Amino acid sequence: MNFLFFIGIIVSTIKELRDKVKQLKKEEDFKGALEILEPLFQENQNSDEIKLELIETLFSYGYYLNDDWTLDYQGAIEVFKRILEIDPKNYRAFYNLGIAYHNFGNNKDALKSCDRALELKPDHKHCYYSKGVIYESMKKFALAMENYKKAKEIDPKFTYATHAIRDLLIIQENFADPGIQYMKIEKLKDLFTMSKKITIQMIQEILDISRTKLLEIILELGKNFQFKLDGDLLEINDNTLPEALDYLTGLNLED
């Protein structure tokens, strides 16, 4: 067989496989896409294109597990760790690994991962903001404030940090002991910040409220902040999220 012809067959096969990967990703069949890409990468480790496509597919899968209400945080952790095996200095992987650890309830490793991301990219405002969220969930308000302020120093117009600082000041002024209601609301705010969708049932369980109060909150989020219902899921509007978080901060859970 002519050598150039043989090379042409290989190139054509790789293109067909990558086209198949793109289709599987559109269908959110990330496992299927990775079953093609992982062996392809092992056979073509000098190909920057295949390496990049594998990493980006892993990111998409990690986001899916961590954010799209799949709630497989352990799976997301393993996916982001796999990216770091391929690219040990990928700050995005460390940052998202930190979020996955936090969602999984492991704040110690979450903070370590965020710190590693900041070593690689010191101006990562979202990482400082996420550290603030983690510390606030741990009731370490001084450290939370410190990180929110660092995020705002990097970008004075960073809306999430601005609102987080203001909310935390209100909490520190008005709540010597934040209490049960505050912790319920903060837990819901954390999920709103880190997710794209959340089940209606989960909102009710977190806030421990009546169906009447739940309906009142859902209607308010829809009317004033353009959140939408998709079956039993509430779709979070990123464009109005900061204002929605403000609404939740001042929420009274009593009927």
Protein backbone atom coordinates (compact mmCIF):
# COMPACT_ATOMS: atom_id res chain seq x y z
CA MET A 1 0.00 0.00 0.00
CA ASN A 2 1.27 3.48 -0.87
CA PHE A 3 2.53 5.18 2.30
CA LEU A 4 0.80 8.49 1.61
CA PHE A 5 -2.43 6.62 0.90
CA PHE A 6 -2.08 4.82 4.24
CA ILE A 7 -1.54 8.15 6.05
CA GLY A 8 -4.59 9.53 4.31
CA ILE A 9 -6.71 6.67 5.64
CA ILE A 10 -5.50 7.35 9.18
CA VAL A 11 -6.23 11.08 8.92
CA SER A 12 -9.67 10.34 7.48
CA THR A 13 -10.42 7.89 10.30
CA ILE A 14 -9.38 10.39 12.97
CA LYS A 15 -11.61 13.05 11.39
CA GLU A 16 -14.56 10.65 11.37
CA LEU A 17 -13.98 9.83 15.04
CA ARG A 18 -13.75 13.50 16.00
CA ASP A 19 -16.95 14.25 14.08
CA LYS A 20 -18.61 11.43 16.04
CA VAL A 21 -17.32 12.97 19.28
CA LYS A 22 -18.88 16.34 18.38
CA GLN A 23 -22.23 14.66 17.77
CA LEU A 24 -22.09 12.74 21.05
CA LYS A 25 -21.29 15.94 22.95
CA LYS A 26 -24.31 17.66 21.39
CA GLU A 27 -26.38 14.76 22.70
CA GLU A 28 -24.69 15.14 26.12
CA ASP A 29 -23.35 11.61 25.80
CA PHE A 30 -20.04 12.58 27.34
CA LYS A 31 -19.14 9.05 28.35
CA GLY A 32 -19.51 7.93 24.74
CA ALA A 33 -17.37 10.84 23.54
CA LEU A 34 -14.65 10.02 26.07
CA GLU A 35 -14.66 6.35 25.11
CA ILE A 36 -13.54 7.53 21.67
CA LEU A 37 -11.22 10.35 22.75
CA GLU A 38 -9.24 8.60 25.49
CA PRO A 39 -7.85 5.83 23.21
CA LEU A 40 -7.38 8.35 20.41
CA PHE A 41 -5.29 10.51 22.73
CA GLN A 42 -3.21 7.54 23.88
CA GLU A 43 -2.41 6.73 20.25
CA ASN A 44 -1.72 10.38 19.32
CA GLN A 45 -0.18 12.00 22.40
CA ASN A 46 1.81 14.44 20.27
CA SER A 47 -1.37 15.89 18.81
CA ASP A 48 -2.20 19.15 20.55
CA GLU A 49 -5.59 19.22 18.83
CA ILE A 50 -6.68 15.85 20.21
CA LYS A 51 -5.29 16.70 23.66
CA LEU A 52 -7.24 19.98 23.71
CA GLU A 53 -10.43 18.29 22.52
CA LEU A 54 -10.11 15.64 25.24
CA ILE A 55 -9.57 18.27 27.93
CA GLU A 56 -12.50 20.41 26.76
CA THR A 57 -14.75 17.34 26.61
CA LEU A 58 -13.73 16.45 30.16
CA PHE A 59 -14.58 19.99 31.24
CA SER A 60 -18.01 19.73 29.60
CA TYR A 61 -18.61 16.42 31.37
CA GLY A 62 -17.41 17.84 34.70
CA TYR A 63 -19.72 20.85 34.36
CA TYR A 64 -22.58 18.51 33.52
CA LEU A 65 -21.98 16.38 36.61
CA ASN A 66 -21.40 19.38 38.87
CA ASP A 67 -23.91 21.94 37.62
CA ASP A 68 -26.73 20.48 35.58
CA TRP A 69 -28.57 18.94 38.48
CA THR A 70 -27.00 15.56 37.94
CA LEU A 71 -25.55 15.96 41.45
CA ASP A 72 -22.74 13.48 40.84
CA TYR A 73 -20.14 15.54 42.68
CA GLN A 74 -17.84 12.58 43.23
CA GLY A 75 -17.93 11.91 39.50
CA ALA A 76 -17.12 15.57 38.80
CA ILE A 77 -14.15 15.39 41.17
CA GLU A 78 -12.73 12.41 39.27
CA VAL A 79 -13.24 14.14 35.92
CA PHE A 80 -11.39 17.30 36.97
CA LYS A 81 -8.61 15.16 38.46
CA ARG A 82 -8.29 13.42 35.09
CA ILE A 83 -7.75 16.80 33.42
CA LEU A 84 -4.94 17.49 35.86
CA GLU A 85 -3.32 14.17 34.98
CA ILE A 86 -3.20 15.36 31.37
CA ASP A 87 -2.40 19.01 32.13
CA PRO A 88 -1.03 19.41 35.70
CA LYS A 89 -0.99 23.21 35.51
CA ASN A 90 -4.54 23.75 34.31
CA TYR A 91 -5.89 26.43 36.66
CA ARG A 92 -9.44 25.95 35.39
CA ALA A 93 -9.33 22.32 36.48
CA PHE A 94 -8.13 23.24 39.99
CA TYR A 95 -10.83 25.92 40.27
CA ASN A 96 -13.64 23.60 39.19
CA LEU A 97 -12.24 20.81 41.34
CA GLY A 98 -12.56 23.19 44.29
CA ILE A 99 -16.23 23.84 43.50
CA ALA A 100 -16.89 20.11 43.15
CA TYR A 101 -15.21 19.41 46.50
CA HIS A 102 -17.34 22.14 48.12
CA ASN A 103 -20.53 20.70 46.65
CA PHE A 104 -19.44 17.29 47.94
CA GLY A 105 -19.03 18.75 51.42
CA ASN A 106 -15.22 18.63 51.52
CA ASN A 107 -14.33 22.26 52.20
CA LYS A 108 -10.75 21.50 53.24
CA ASP A 109 -9.82 20.12 49.81
CA ALA A 110 -12.04 22.73 48.15
CA LEU A 111 -9.92 25.52 49.61
CA LYS A 112 -6.67 23.72 48.74
CA SER A 113 -7.79 23.39 45.12
CA CYS A 114 -8.80 27.04 44.94
CA ASP A 115 -5.45 28.09 46.39
CA ARG A 116 -3.65 25.99 43.78
CA ALA A 117 -5.69 27.67 41.03
CA LEU A 118 -4.72 31.08 42.41
CA GLU A 119 -1.04 30.12 42.45
CA LEU A 120 -1.35 29.50 38.71
CA LYS A 121 -3.61 32.49 38.00
CA PRO A 122 -3.43 35.13 40.76
CA ASP A 123 -6.04 37.39 39.13
CA HIS A 124 -8.80 34.74 39.07
CA LYS A 125 -11.66 36.81 40.54
CA HIS A 126 -14.16 33.95 40.41
CA CYS A 127 -11.81 31.79 42.45
CA TYR A 128 -11.55 34.42 45.19
CA TYR A 129 -15.34 34.77 45.11
CA SER A 130 -15.79 31.00 45.43
CA LYS A 131 -13.37 30.94 48.37
CA GLY A 132 -15.57 33.59 49.96
CA VAL A 133 -18.65 31.41 49.43
CA ILE A 134 -16.87 28.43 50.98
CA TYR A 135 -15.70 30.39 54.02
CA GLU A 136 -19.15 31.94 54.47
CA SER A 137 -20.72 28.47 54.44
CA MET A 138 -18.27 27.58 57.23
CA LYS A 139 -19.34 30.72 59.19
CA LYS A 140 -15.81 32.10 58.85
CA PHE A 141 -17.12 35.51 57.96
CA ALA A 142 -13.86 37.47 58.27
CA LEU A 143 -12.12 35.17 55.80
CA ALA A 144 -15.16 35.27 53.52
CA MET A 145 -15.08 39.06 53.50
CA GLU A 146 -11.34 39.07 52.80
CA ASN A 147 -11.81 36.95 49.69
CA TYR A 148 -14.85 38.85 48.43
CA LYS A 149 -12.81 42.05 48.71
CA LYS A 150 -9.90 40.50 46.82
CA ALA A 151 -12.29 39.56 44.01
CA LYS A 152 -13.60 43.12 43.91
CA GLU A 153 -10.06 44.54 43.90
CA ILE A 154 -9.36 42.55 40.73
CA ASP A 155 -12.60 43.74 39.12
CA PRO A 156 -14.35 46.69 40.84
CA LYS A 157 -17.42 46.02 38.68
CA PHE A 158 -17.68 42.34 39.70
CA THR A 159 -21.35 42.30 40.70
CA TYR A 160 -21.33 39.01 42.61
CA ALA A 161 -18.52 40.23 44.88
CA THR A 162 -20.20 43.61 45.41
CA HIS A 163 -23.45 42.03 46.52
CA ALA A 164 -21.69 39.37 48.61
CA ILE A 165 -19.82 42.07 50.55
CA ARG A 166 -23.00 44.02 51.16
CA ASP A 167 -24.93 40.93 52.24
CA LEU A 168 -22.17 39.86 54.59
CA LEU A 169 -22.06 43.30 56.20
CA ILE A 170 -25.82 43.07 56.82
CA ILE A 171 -25.38 39.64 58.35
CA GLN A 172 -22.55 40.79 60.61
CA GLU A 173 -24.56 43.83 61.75
CA ASN A 174 -27.89 42.13 62.33
CA PHE A 175 -27.09 38.56 63.29
CA ALA A 176 -24.84 37.85 66.24
CA ASP A 177 -25.96 34.27 65.71
CA PRO A 178 -27.17 33.80 62.10
CA GLY A 179 -29.60 31.13 63.22
CA ILE A 180 -31.35 28.33 61.44
CA GLN A 181 -33.25 30.50 58.93
CA TYR A 182 -30.08 32.24 57.80
CA MET A 183 -28.24 28.95 57.26
CA LYS A 184 -31.11 27.55 55.19
CA ILE A 185 -31.17 30.63 52.95
CA GLU A 186 -27.37 30.65 52.57
CA LYS A 187 -27.41 26.99 51.53
CA LEU A 188 -30.00 27.76 48.84
CA LYS A 189 -27.98 30.79 47.66
CA ASP A 190 -24.88 28.61 47.33
CA LEU A 191 -26.80 26.17 45.13
CA PHE A 192 -28.23 28.99 43.03
CA THR A 193 -24.70 30.34 42.49
CA MET A 194 -23.21 27.00 41.45
CA SER A 195 -26.09 25.42 39.51
CA LYS A 196 -28.13 26.08 36.40
CA LYS A 197 -31.27 24.26 37.56
CA ILE A 198 -32.68 23.19 40.92
CA THR A 199 -35.68 21.04 41.70
CA ILE A 200 -38.72 22.62 43.32
CA GLN A 201 -38.75 19.84 45.89
CA MET A 202 -35.14 20.55 46.82
CA ILE A 203 -35.96 24.24 47.42
CA GLN A 204 -38.80 23.25 49.75
CA GLU A 205 -36.65 20.72 51.60
CA ILE A 206 -33.73 23.15 52.07
CA LEU A 207 -35.93 26.00 53.33
CA ASP A 208 -38.34 23.69 55.19
CA ILE A 209 -41.34 25.77 54.18
CA SER A 210 -44.99 25.20 53.35
CA ARG A 211 -46.24 24.72 49.81
CA THR A 212 -47.93 28.12 50.05
CA LYS A 213 -44.66 29.85 50.91
CA LEU A 214 -42.84 27.85 48.24
CA LEU A 215 -45.32 29.01 45.59
CA GLU A 216 -44.92 32.61 46.74
CA ILE A 217 -41.12 32.40 46.35
CA ILE A 218 -41.29 30.67 42.93
CA LEU A 219 -43.74 33.29 41.62
CA GLU A 220 -41.51 36.10 42.90
CA LEU A 221 -38.43 34.59 41.23
CA GLY A 222 -40.34 34.20 37.98
CA LYS A 223 -42.00 37.60 37.95
CA ASN A 224 -39.12 39.79 39.09
CA PHE A 225 -36.03 37.80 38.11
CA GLN A 226 -37.21 35.86 35.02
CA PHE A 227 -36.51 32.40 36.47
CA LYS A 228 -38.42 29.75 34.51
CA LEU A 229 -40.01 26.41 35.30
CA ASP A 230 -39.03 23.33 33.31
CA GLY A 231 -41.21 20.55 34.68
CA ASP A 232 -40.19 20.17 38.32
CA LEU A 233 -36.97 22.14 37.76
CA LEU A 234 -36.43 25.85 38.30
CA GLU A 235 -34.10 27.34 35.67
CA ILE A 236 -31.79 29.98 37.15
CA ASN A 237 -31.34 33.20 35.16
CA ASP A 238 -27.64 34.13 35.34
CA ASN A 239 -28.41 37.69 34.18
CA THR A 240 -30.60 38.45 37.22
CA LEU A 241 -28.94 36.09 39.70
CA PRO A 242 -27.21 38.82 41.81
CA GLU A 243 -30.54 40.59 42.33
CA ALA A 244 -32.28 37.28 43.08
CA LEU A 245 -29.64 36.52 45.73
CA ASP A 246 -30.40 39.90 47.31
CA TYR A 247 -34.08 38.93 47.40
CA LEU A 248 -33.24 35.65 49.12
CA THR A 249 -31.02 37.40 51.70
CA GLY A 250 -33.97 39.41 52.98
CA LEU A 251 -36.45 36.55 52.74
CA ASN A 252 -38.78 35.79 55.64
CA LEU A 253 -39.55 32.08 55.67
CA GLU A 254 -42.62 32.44 57.85
CA ASP A 255 -46.05 32.18 56.18
